[in-house]
Amino acid sequence: MNIAIWIITGLLALAFIGAGIMKVAQPRAKLAASGMAWTNDYSDAGVKLVGLAELLGGLGLILPAVTGIAPILVPIAAAALTVIMIGAVVWHVRAGDGAKETMPSVILGILALVVAITRFGPWAF
C-alpha cells in the first residue's frame, strides 16, 4: 500500500510542480492563449498566486517526507491541493465546461485527497 501511495504522491508532485512553474513563469495572456480560459477571470497576481500555491503544494508532497523534516506537512499539502482542485472543478462547472476540461481537476483532486487521507491515517510515515 505504501508503495502505491508513494507512486501517486510522486506523480501528483510532478503534475503540480509542472503546472505551478508554468503559471508562475508565463504571462497570463500566454496562458490564456494556450487554452487556460480561467486566467481571463483573474489578475496577473491571482494567476501567479495559484501557480505558487501549486508549486509549493507539489514540493510539500515530497520534500518533508524525503528529508524527514516535518513530515506532517505532506498530508497538509495534499489537503491544500485538494481544496485548490475543488476550486478548479467549481470554476469549470460554472464556465459550462464539459467533462474533457473538468475531469483532470477532478482526478487530481481525488488523488490529492487519497494522499491526504492515507498520510493522516494509519499508513502515515
N, C-alpha and C. Protein backbone atom coordinates (compact mmCIF):
# COMPACT_ATOMS: atom_id res chain seq x y z
N MET A 1 0.83 -1.20 0.00
CA MET A 1 0.00 0.00 0.00
C MET A 1 0.87 1.25 0.00
N ASN A 2 1.93 1.24 0.81
CA ASN A 2 2.80 2.41 0.91
C ASN A 2 3.46 2.73 -0.42
N ILE A 3 3.84 1.71 -1.18
CA ILE A 3 4.47 1.94 -2.49
C ILE A 3 3.48 2.60 -3.43
N ALA A 4 2.24 2.15 -3.42
CA ALA A 4 1.22 2.75 -4.29
C ALA A 4 1.00 4.21 -3.93
N ILE A 5 0.96 4.52 -2.65
CA ILE A 5 0.77 5.92 -2.22
C ILE A 5 1.97 6.76 -2.61
N TRP A 6 3.17 6.20 -2.52
CA TRP A 6 4.36 6.94 -2.95
C TRP A 6 4.32 7.22 -4.45
N ILE A 7 3.87 6.26 -5.23
CA ILE A 7 3.77 6.46 -6.68
C ILE A 7 2.76 7.56 -6.98
N ILE A 8 1.60 7.49 -6.35
CA ILE A 8 0.58 8.53 -6.54
C ILE A 8 1.12 9.88 -6.10
N THR A 9 1.79 9.91 -4.97
CA THR A 9 2.34 11.17 -4.45
C THR A 9 3.38 11.74 -5.40
N GLY A 10 4.23 10.90 -5.92
CA GLY A 10 5.26 11.36 -6.86
C GLY A 10 4.67 11.91 -8.14
N LEU A 11 3.68 11.22 -8.68
CA LEU A 11 3.03 11.70 -9.90
C LEU A 11 2.29 13.02 -9.66
N LEU A 12 1.60 13.11 -8.52
CA LEU A 12 0.93 14.36 -8.16
C LEU A 12 1.93 15.49 -8.01
N ALA A 13 3.04 15.21 -7.36
CA ALA A 13 4.06 16.24 -7.16
C ALA A 13 4.56 16.75 -8.51
N LEU A 14 4.85 15.84 -9.42
CA LEU A 14 5.31 16.24 -10.76
C LEU A 14 4.26 17.09 -11.47
N ALA A 15 3.01 16.67 -11.40
CA ALA A 15 1.94 17.41 -12.07
C ALA A 15 1.79 18.81 -11.50
N PHE A 16 1.78 18.93 -10.17
CA PHE A 16 1.58 20.24 -9.56
C PHE A 16 2.81 21.13 -9.68
N ILE A 17 3.99 20.56 -9.58
CA ILE A 17 5.20 21.37 -9.74
C ILE A 17 5.27 21.90 -11.18
N GLY A 18 4.99 21.03 -12.15
CA GLY A 18 5.00 21.46 -13.54
C GLY A 18 3.96 22.53 -13.82
N ALA A 19 2.75 22.32 -13.34
CA ALA A 19 1.68 23.30 -13.55
C ALA A 19 2.00 24.61 -12.84
N GLY A 20 2.55 24.52 -11.65
CA GLY A 20 2.88 25.71 -10.89
C GLY A 20 3.97 26.53 -11.56
N ILE A 21 5.02 25.86 -12.02
CA ILE A 21 6.11 26.56 -12.71
C ILE A 21 5.58 27.25 -13.96
N MET A 22 4.73 26.56 -14.70
CA MET A 22 4.17 27.13 -15.91
C MET A 22 3.38 28.41 -15.60
N LYS A 23 2.56 28.37 -14.57
CA LYS A 23 1.74 29.54 -14.22
C LYS A 23 2.57 30.68 -13.66
N VAL A 24 3.63 30.36 -12.94
CA VAL A 24 4.48 31.40 -12.37
C VAL A 24 5.37 32.02 -13.45
N ALA A 25 5.86 31.21 -14.37
CA ALA A 25 6.86 31.67 -15.33
C ALA A 25 6.28 32.34 -16.57
N GLN A 26 5.05 32.02 -16.95
CA GLN A 26 4.49 32.55 -18.19
C GLN A 26 3.51 33.68 -17.91
N PRO A 27 3.45 34.64 -18.82
CA PRO A 27 2.46 35.72 -18.65
C PRO A 27 1.03 35.17 -18.76
N ARG A 28 0.13 35.84 -18.08
CA ARG A 28 -1.28 35.41 -18.07
C ARG A 28 -1.85 35.36 -19.49
N ALA A 29 -1.50 36.33 -20.34
CA ALA A 29 -2.02 36.35 -21.71
C ALA A 29 -1.58 35.10 -22.48
N LYS A 30 -0.36 34.66 -22.27
CA LYS A 30 0.13 33.45 -22.95
C LYS A 30 -0.59 32.21 -22.44
N LEU A 31 -0.85 32.16 -21.15
CA LEU A 31 -1.59 31.04 -20.58
C LEU A 31 -3.01 30.99 -21.15
N ALA A 32 -3.64 32.15 -21.24
CA ALA A 32 -5.00 32.21 -21.79
C ALA A 32 -5.01 31.78 -23.25
N ALA A 33 -4.00 32.20 -24.01
CA ALA A 33 -3.93 31.83 -25.43
C ALA A 33 -3.68 30.34 -25.62
N SER A 34 -3.07 29.71 -24.62
CA SER A 34 -2.78 28.28 -24.73
C SER A 34 -3.95 27.40 -24.29
N GLY A 35 -5.08 28.03 -23.94
CA GLY A 35 -6.26 27.25 -23.60
C GLY A 35 -6.71 27.34 -22.16
N MET A 36 -5.98 28.08 -21.34
CA MET A 36 -6.37 28.23 -19.94
C MET A 36 -7.29 29.43 -19.82
N ALA A 37 -8.55 29.24 -20.21
CA ALA A 37 -9.51 30.34 -20.24
C ALA A 37 -9.76 30.93 -18.86
N TRP A 38 -9.60 30.15 -17.82
CA TRP A 38 -9.85 30.64 -16.47
C TRP A 38 -8.97 31.83 -16.11
N THR A 39 -7.80 31.93 -16.75
CA THR A 39 -6.89 33.02 -16.42
C THR A 39 -7.46 34.39 -16.79
N ASN A 40 -8.42 34.41 -17.71
CA ASN A 40 -9.06 35.68 -18.09
C ASN A 40 -9.91 36.24 -16.95
N ASP A 41 -10.31 35.40 -16.02
CA ASP A 41 -11.16 35.83 -14.91
C ASP A 41 -10.36 36.32 -13.70
N TYR A 42 -9.04 36.26 -13.79
CA TYR A 42 -8.20 36.60 -12.65
C TYR A 42 -7.11 37.59 -13.06
N SER A 43 -6.58 38.30 -12.10
CA SER A 43 -5.49 39.24 -12.35
C SER A 43 -4.19 38.46 -12.56
N ASP A 44 -3.18 39.18 -13.03
CA ASP A 44 -1.87 38.55 -13.18
C ASP A 44 -1.39 38.00 -11.85
N ALA A 45 -1.55 38.79 -10.80
CA ALA A 45 -1.12 38.36 -9.47
C ALA A 45 -1.91 37.15 -8.99
N GLY A 46 -3.21 37.09 -9.31
CA GLY A 46 -4.03 35.95 -8.92
C GLY A 46 -3.58 34.66 -9.58
N VAL A 47 -3.24 34.74 -10.85
CA VAL A 47 -2.76 33.56 -11.58
C VAL A 47 -1.41 33.12 -11.02
N LYS A 48 -0.53 34.08 -10.74
CA LYS A 48 0.77 33.75 -10.16
C LYS A 48 0.61 33.13 -8.77
N LEU A 49 -0.36 33.61 -8.01
CA LEU A 49 -0.62 33.07 -6.68
C LEU A 49 -1.08 31.61 -6.77
N VAL A 50 -1.97 31.32 -7.71
CA VAL A 50 -2.41 29.94 -7.91
C VAL A 50 -1.22 29.07 -8.29
N GLY A 51 -0.39 29.58 -9.20
CA GLY A 51 0.81 28.83 -9.61
C GLY A 51 1.76 28.59 -8.47
N LEU A 52 1.96 29.60 -7.63
CA LEU A 52 2.84 29.46 -6.48
C LEU A 52 2.28 28.44 -5.49
N ALA A 53 0.97 28.49 -5.29
CA ALA A 53 0.34 27.52 -4.38
C ALA A 53 0.51 26.10 -4.91
N GLU A 54 0.34 25.91 -6.22
CA GLU A 54 0.52 24.57 -6.80
C GLU A 54 1.98 24.13 -6.70
N LEU A 55 2.89 25.04 -6.98
CA LEU A 55 4.32 24.72 -6.89
C LEU A 55 4.72 24.33 -5.48
N LEU A 56 4.33 25.14 -4.51
CA LEU A 56 4.67 24.83 -3.12
C LEU A 56 3.96 23.57 -2.63
N GLY A 57 2.72 23.38 -3.06
CA GLY A 57 2.00 22.16 -2.70
C GLY A 57 2.67 20.92 -3.25
N GLY A 58 3.11 21.00 -4.51
CA GLY A 58 3.82 19.87 -5.12
C GLY A 58 5.11 19.55 -4.39
N LEU A 59 5.86 20.59 -4.04
CA LEU A 59 7.09 20.39 -3.26
C LEU A 59 6.76 19.84 -1.87
N GLY A 60 5.66 20.30 -1.30
CA GLY A 60 5.24 19.85 0.02
C GLY A 60 4.79 18.40 0.07
N LEU A 61 4.47 17.85 -1.09
CA LEU A 61 4.10 16.43 -1.15
C LEU A 61 5.32 15.52 -0.99
N ILE A 62 6.49 16.02 -1.37
CA ILE A 62 7.67 15.17 -1.42
C ILE A 62 8.74 15.55 -0.39
N LEU A 63 9.13 16.82 -0.38
CA LEU A 63 10.30 17.22 0.41
C LEU A 63 10.22 16.90 1.89
N PRO A 64 9.11 17.16 2.58
CA PRO A 64 9.10 16.84 4.01
C PRO A 64 9.31 15.35 4.30
N ALA A 65 8.75 14.50 3.46
CA ALA A 65 8.90 13.06 3.69
C ALA A 65 10.32 12.60 3.37
N VAL A 66 10.88 13.12 2.29
CA VAL A 66 12.22 12.70 1.87
C VAL A 66 13.28 13.19 2.86
N THR A 67 13.12 14.43 3.32
CA THR A 67 14.12 14.98 4.24
C THR A 67 13.89 14.57 5.69
N GLY A 68 12.68 14.13 6.00
CA GLY A 68 12.35 13.78 7.37
C GLY A 68 12.07 14.99 8.24
N ILE A 69 12.04 16.17 7.63
CA ILE A 69 11.77 17.40 8.36
C ILE A 69 10.28 17.71 8.27
N ALA A 70 9.60 17.66 9.36
CA ALA A 70 8.16 17.97 9.46
C ALA A 70 7.32 17.19 8.45
N PRO A 71 7.37 15.85 8.49
CA PRO A 71 6.60 15.06 7.53
C PRO A 71 5.09 15.25 7.64
N ILE A 72 4.61 15.87 8.69
CA ILE A 72 3.18 16.17 8.81
C ILE A 72 2.75 17.14 7.71
N LEU A 73 3.70 17.83 7.11
CA LEU A 73 3.37 18.77 6.04
C LEU A 73 2.90 18.07 4.77
N VAL A 74 3.24 16.79 4.61
CA VAL A 74 2.80 16.06 3.41
C VAL A 74 1.27 15.98 3.33
N PRO A 75 0.58 15.48 4.35
CA PRO A 75 -0.87 15.44 4.23
C PRO A 75 -1.51 16.83 4.24
N ILE A 76 -0.86 17.78 4.87
CA ILE A 76 -1.39 19.15 4.85
C ILE A 76 -1.30 19.71 3.44
N ALA A 77 -0.17 19.48 2.77
CA ALA A 77 -0.03 19.92 1.38
C ALA A 77 -1.05 19.23 0.49
N ALA A 78 -1.25 17.94 0.71
CA ALA A 78 -2.23 17.20 -0.09
C ALA A 78 -3.64 17.72 0.13
N ALA A 79 -3.98 18.04 1.38
CA ALA A 79 -5.30 18.59 1.67
C ALA A 79 -5.47 19.96 1.02
N ALA A 80 -4.43 20.79 1.07
CA ALA A 80 -4.50 22.11 0.44
C ALA A 80 -4.65 21.99 -1.07
N LEU A 81 -3.96 21.04 -1.68
CA LEU A 81 -4.10 20.83 -3.12
C LEU A 81 -5.49 20.31 -3.47
N THR A 82 -6.08 19.54 -2.57
CA THR A 82 -7.46 19.09 -2.78
C THR A 82 -8.40 20.29 -2.83
N VAL A 83 -8.19 21.24 -1.93
CA VAL A 83 -9.02 22.45 -1.91
C VAL A 83 -8.83 23.25 -3.21
N ILE A 84 -7.60 23.36 -3.67
CA ILE A 84 -7.35 24.06 -4.93
C ILE A 84 -8.07 23.38 -6.08
N MET A 85 -8.06 22.06 -6.11
CA MET A 85 -8.73 21.34 -7.19
C MET A 85 -10.24 21.43 -7.08
N ILE A 86 -10.78 21.53 -5.87
CA ILE A 86 -12.22 21.76 -5.72
C ILE A 86 -12.57 23.10 -6.35
N GLY A 87 -11.75 24.11 -6.10
CA GLY A 87 -11.96 25.40 -6.72
C GLY A 87 -11.90 25.33 -8.24
N ALA A 88 -10.97 24.54 -8.77
CA ALA A 88 -10.86 24.38 -10.21
C ALA A 88 -12.09 23.71 -10.79
N VAL A 89 -12.60 22.69 -10.10
CA VAL A 89 -13.80 22.00 -10.57
C VAL A 89 -14.99 22.96 -10.56
N VAL A 90 -15.11 23.73 -9.50
CA VAL A 90 -16.21 24.71 -9.41
C VAL A 90 -16.12 25.69 -10.57
N TRP A 91 -14.92 26.17 -10.87
CA TRP A 91 -14.76 27.11 -11.98
C TRP A 91 -15.21 26.47 -13.29
N HIS A 92 -14.76 25.24 -13.56
CA HIS A 92 -15.11 24.54 -14.80
C HIS A 92 -16.62 24.34 -14.91
N VAL A 93 -17.26 23.96 -13.82
CA VAL A 93 -18.71 23.74 -13.84
C VAL A 93 -19.44 25.06 -14.11
N ARG A 94 -19.04 26.12 -13.42
CA ARG A 94 -19.67 27.42 -13.64
C ARG A 94 -19.46 27.94 -15.06
N ALA A 95 -18.30 27.61 -15.65
CA ALA A 95 -18.00 28.06 -17.01
C ALA A 95 -18.72 27.23 -18.06
N GLY A 96 -19.35 26.16 -17.62
CA GLY A 96 -20.07 25.30 -18.55
C GLY A 96 -19.16 24.37 -19.34
N ASP A 97 -17.96 24.15 -18.83
CA ASP A 97 -17.03 23.24 -19.49
C ASP A 97 -17.54 21.81 -19.41
N GLY A 98 -17.17 21.03 -20.38
CA GLY A 98 -17.56 19.63 -20.41
C GLY A 98 -16.64 18.77 -19.57
N ALA A 99 -16.89 17.48 -19.63
CA ALA A 99 -16.10 16.53 -18.85
C ALA A 99 -14.63 16.54 -19.27
N LYS A 100 -14.37 16.76 -20.56
CA LYS A 100 -12.99 16.76 -21.04
C LYS A 100 -12.14 17.81 -20.32
N GLU A 101 -12.71 18.97 -20.06
CA GLU A 101 -11.98 20.04 -19.39
C GLU A 101 -12.00 19.89 -17.87
N THR A 102 -13.05 19.30 -17.34
CA THR A 102 -13.24 19.23 -15.89
C THR A 102 -12.55 18.02 -15.26
N MET A 103 -12.50 16.91 -15.96
CA MET A 103 -12.01 15.66 -15.37
C MET A 103 -10.58 15.71 -14.86
N PRO A 104 -9.64 16.39 -15.54
CA PRO A 104 -8.29 16.43 -14.94
C PRO A 104 -8.29 17.02 -13.53
N SER A 105 -9.06 18.06 -13.32
CA SER A 105 -9.13 18.66 -11.98
C SER A 105 -9.79 17.72 -10.99
N VAL A 106 -10.82 17.01 -11.44
CA VAL A 106 -11.50 16.03 -10.57
C VAL A 106 -10.52 14.92 -10.18
N ILE A 107 -9.81 14.39 -11.15
CA ILE A 107 -8.89 13.28 -10.89
C ILE A 107 -7.75 13.72 -9.97
N LEU A 108 -7.15 14.88 -10.28
CA LEU A 108 -6.08 15.37 -9.41
C LEU A 108 -6.58 15.63 -7.99
N GLY A 109 -7.80 16.16 -7.88
CA GLY A 109 -8.37 16.41 -6.56
C GLY A 109 -8.61 15.13 -5.78
N ILE A 110 -9.12 14.12 -6.45
CA ILE A 110 -9.36 12.83 -5.78
C ILE A 110 -8.04 12.20 -5.34
N LEU A 111 -7.05 12.23 -6.22
CA LEU A 111 -5.75 11.66 -5.86
C LEU A 111 -5.10 12.41 -4.70
N ALA A 112 -5.22 13.74 -4.70
CA ALA A 112 -4.68 14.53 -3.59
C ALA A 112 -5.41 14.19 -2.30
N LEU A 113 -6.72 13.99 -2.38
CA LEU A 113 -7.50 13.60 -1.21
C LEU A 113 -7.06 12.23 -0.69
N VAL A 114 -6.80 11.30 -1.59
CA VAL A 114 -6.33 9.96 -1.20
C VAL A 114 -5.00 10.09 -0.45
N VAL A 115 -4.10 10.90 -0.98
CA VAL A 115 -2.80 11.09 -0.31
C VAL A 115 -3.02 11.73 1.07
N ALA A 116 -3.87 12.74 1.14
CA ALA A 116 -4.12 13.40 2.43
C ALA A 116 -4.66 12.42 3.45
N ILE A 117 -5.64 11.62 3.05
CA ILE A 117 -6.26 10.67 3.98
C ILE A 117 -5.28 9.59 4.41
N THR A 118 -4.55 9.03 3.46
CA THR A 118 -3.64 7.94 3.82
C THR A 118 -2.44 8.42 4.62
N ARG A 119 -2.01 9.65 4.40
CA ARG A 119 -0.86 10.17 5.17
C ARG A 119 -1.26 10.66 6.54
N PHE A 120 -2.53 11.01 6.73
CA PHE A 120 -3.03 11.34 8.07
C PHE A 120 -3.39 10.08 8.84
N GLY A 121 -3.71 9.02 8.11
CA GLY A 121 -4.25 7.81 8.71
C GLY A 121 -3.19 6.85 9.22
N PRO A 122 -3.58 5.60 9.39
CA PRO A 122 -2.68 4.59 9.96
C PRO A 122 -1.52 4.21 9.04
N TRP A 123 -1.56 4.65 7.76
CA TRP A 123 -0.49 4.33 6.83
C TRP A 123 0.55 5.43 6.81
N ALA A 124 0.44 6.41 7.67
CA ALA A 124 1.34 7.56 7.68
C ALA A 124 2.78 7.12 7.88
N PHE A 125 3.68 8.00 7.54
CA PHE A 125 5.12 7.70 7.60
C PHE A 125 5.51 7.26 8.99
